[in-house]
Amino acid sequence: MSIFIDACIFIAYVNEKDRLHAQASGLIDDIMDNKHGAVFTSNAVFDEAVTFLLYKTGDFRNAARVRDIILGNKEKDMQQFMKLLFVDKEVMDNGWNIFVKYADKKLSFTDCTIIELMNSKDIEYLASFDGGFDGIVARIGD
């Protein structure tokens, strides 16, 4: 089993004012307890999450918490528990094709690179609150 974590999960997890904070916390706890197998996210999701949190909350500490969750932090004795995948030219090209194919769903380009990474790495589930993925990949997070 394997799972890819979308930015919205990280955002809700670190932002206690987010209406989905409790759901995200439960999901991240389950993922960290290895209930969903191998864990992945991408550099594009990292960028989206930390940028959004800094902009939305105005508190750099929220962005830093996401950084620590994704990359780990030896100074805080936090182990990295997920593999960070990178959006390269091939992923971008294939992501563009997905972006065009699902234009009616109005997925972000980052969302389309997530779909491509999940397909190319045989990742089974997506942890996301974004219903736009429904019918394309198996989603956990309602």
Protein backbone atom coordinates (compact mmCIF):
# COMPACT_ATOMS: atom_id res chain seq x y z
CA MET A 1 0.00 0.00 0.00
CA SER A 2 1.15 3.58 -0.63
CA ILE A 3 -0.19 7.11 -0.25
CA PHE A 4 0.64 10.56 -1.64
CA ILE A 5 -0.08 13.59 0.56
CA ASP A 6 -1.54 16.71 -1.06
CA ALA A 7 -0.81 20.26 0.15
CA CYS A 8 -4.27 20.76 1.64
CA ILE A 9 -3.57 18.03 4.20
CA PHE A 10 -0.36 19.70 5.37
CA ILE A 11 -2.06 23.10 5.44
CA ALA A 12 -4.99 21.91 7.56
CA TYR A 13 -2.68 19.89 9.82
CA VAL A 14 -0.49 22.81 10.89
CA ASN A 15 -3.18 25.50 10.84
CA GLU A 16 -5.30 24.90 13.95
CA LYS A 17 -7.84 27.46 12.70
CA ASP A 18 -8.51 25.44 9.54
CA ARG A 19 -11.98 23.86 9.59
CA LEU A 20 -10.41 20.54 8.48
CA HIS A 21 -7.64 20.56 11.10
CA ALA A 22 -9.04 17.65 13.14
CA GLN A 23 -9.52 15.50 10.02
CA ALA A 24 -6.02 16.29 8.77
CA SER A 25 -4.54 15.54 12.19
CA GLY A 26 -6.22 12.14 12.32
CA LEU A 27 -5.10 11.33 8.79
CA ILE A 28 -1.47 12.40 9.38
CA ASP A 29 -1.42 10.41 12.64
CA ASP A 30 -2.64 7.31 10.77
CA ILE A 31 -0.07 7.86 8.02
CA MET A 32 2.74 8.27 10.57
CA ASP A 33 1.53 5.06 12.26
CA ASN A 34 2.10 3.32 8.91
CA LYS A 35 -1.57 2.52 8.34
CA HIS A 36 -1.30 3.48 4.66
CA GLY A 37 2.10 2.05 3.72
CA ALA A 38 4.80 4.00 1.91
CA VAL A 39 4.31 7.78 2.02
CA PHE A 40 5.10 10.29 -0.73
CA THR A 41 4.74 13.95 -1.58
CA SER A 42 6.49 16.21 -4.09
CA ASN A 43 8.58 19.34 -4.26
CA ALA A 44 5.64 21.06 -5.97
CA VAL A 45 3.36 20.19 -3.03
CA PHE A 46 6.05 21.41 -0.63
CA ASP A 47 6.19 24.72 -2.50
CA GLU A 48 2.41 25.08 -2.57
CA ALA A 49 1.96 24.28 1.14
CA VAL A 50 4.69 26.48 2.60
CA THR A 51 3.85 29.41 0.33
CA PHE A 52 0.13 29.20 1.09
CA LEU A 53 0.70 28.94 4.85
CA LEU A 54 3.01 31.94 4.96
CA TYR A 55 0.58 33.98 2.87
CA LYS A 56 -2.62 32.82 4.61
CA THR A 57 -1.47 32.80 8.25
CA GLY A 58 1.32 35.37 8.08
CA ASP A 59 3.29 33.12 10.43
CA PHE A 60 6.54 31.67 9.12
CA ARG A 61 6.44 29.04 11.90
CA ASN A 62 3.53 27.32 10.14
CA ALA A 63 5.54 27.03 6.93
CA ALA A 64 8.54 25.79 8.93
CA ARG A 65 6.37 23.10 10.56
CA VAL A 66 5.43 21.77 7.12
CA ARG A 67 9.09 21.80 6.14
CA ASP A 68 9.92 19.75 9.24
CA ILE A 69 7.08 17.29 8.60
CA ILE A 70 8.10 16.71 4.99
CA LEU A 71 11.89 16.80 5.29
CA GLY A 72 12.38 15.95 8.94
CA ASN A 73 14.44 18.04 11.33
CA LYS A 74 17.43 16.52 13.14
CA GLU A 75 17.62 19.46 15.57
CA LYS A 76 14.04 18.70 16.69
CA ASP A 77 14.59 14.92 16.55
CA MET A 78 11.97 14.60 13.79
CA GLN A 79 12.55 11.73 11.38
CA GLN A 80 11.62 12.07 7.73
CA PHE A 81 8.78 9.58 7.23
CA MET A 82 7.98 10.22 3.58
CA LYS A 83 9.79 10.18 0.28
CA LEU A 84 9.99 13.49 -1.55
CA LEU A 85 9.44 13.08 -5.30
CA PHE A 86 10.60 15.72 -7.75
CA VAL A 87 8.73 17.22 -10.67
CA ASP A 88 11.18 16.98 -13.56
CA LYS A 89 10.68 17.75 -17.26
CA GLU A 90 9.03 14.39 -18.00
CA VAL A 91 6.58 14.80 -15.12
CA MET A 92 5.86 18.36 -16.28
CA ASP A 93 5.22 17.22 -19.86
CA ASN A 94 2.93 14.38 -18.78
CA GLY A 95 1.32 16.65 -16.18
CA TRP A 96 0.50 19.10 -18.95
CA ASN A 97 -1.29 16.36 -20.89
CA ILE A 98 -3.33 15.58 -17.77
CA PHE A 99 -4.01 19.31 -17.29
CA VAL A 100 -5.43 19.48 -20.82
CA LYS A 101 -7.38 16.21 -20.49
CA TYR A 102 -9.09 17.28 -17.26
CA ALA A 103 -9.48 21.00 -18.00
CA ASP A 104 -13.19 20.74 -17.17
CA LYS A 105 -12.31 19.67 -13.60
CA LYS A 106 -10.23 22.85 -13.14
CA LEU A 107 -7.39 21.01 -11.40
CA SER A 108 -4.29 23.03 -10.69
CA PHE A 109 -1.15 22.17 -12.62
CA THR A 110 0.37 20.94 -9.34
CA ASP A 111 -2.63 18.60 -9.00
CA CYS A 112 -1.90 17.24 -12.46
CA THR A 113 1.73 16.57 -11.55
CA ILE A 114 0.45 14.69 -8.49
CA ILE A 115 -1.67 12.48 -10.76
CA GLU A 116 1.30 11.87 -13.03
CA LEU A 117 3.61 11.00 -10.11
CA MET A 118 1.00 8.67 -8.65
CA ASN A 119 0.56 6.93 -12.00
CA SER A 120 4.27 6.64 -12.78
CA LYS A 121 5.22 5.45 -9.27
CA ASP A 122 2.18 3.17 -8.79
CA ILE A 123 1.03 5.09 -5.70
CA GLU A 124 -2.39 3.75 -4.74
CA TYR A 125 -4.05 6.50 -2.70
CA LEU A 126 -4.10 10.27 -2.44
CA ALA A 127 -4.60 12.00 0.93
CA SER A 128 -6.52 15.11 -0.10
CA PHE A 129 -9.65 17.08 0.70
CA ASP A 130 -9.89 18.14 -2.96
CA GLY A 131 -12.85 16.43 -4.63
CA GLY A 132 -11.52 17.42 -8.06
CA PHE A 133 -9.41 14.26 -7.96
CA ASP A 134 -12.48 12.02 -7.67
CA GLY A 135 -12.83 9.64 -10.59
CA ILE A 136 -9.15 10.05 -11.48
CA VAL A 137 -7.28 8.62 -8.46
CA ALA A 138 -8.38 6.88 -5.26
CA ARG A 139 -8.69 9.58 -2.59
CA ILE A 140 -8.70 9.38 1.21
CA GLY A 141 -9.73 12.44 3.15
CA ASP A 142 -13.43 13.14 3.32
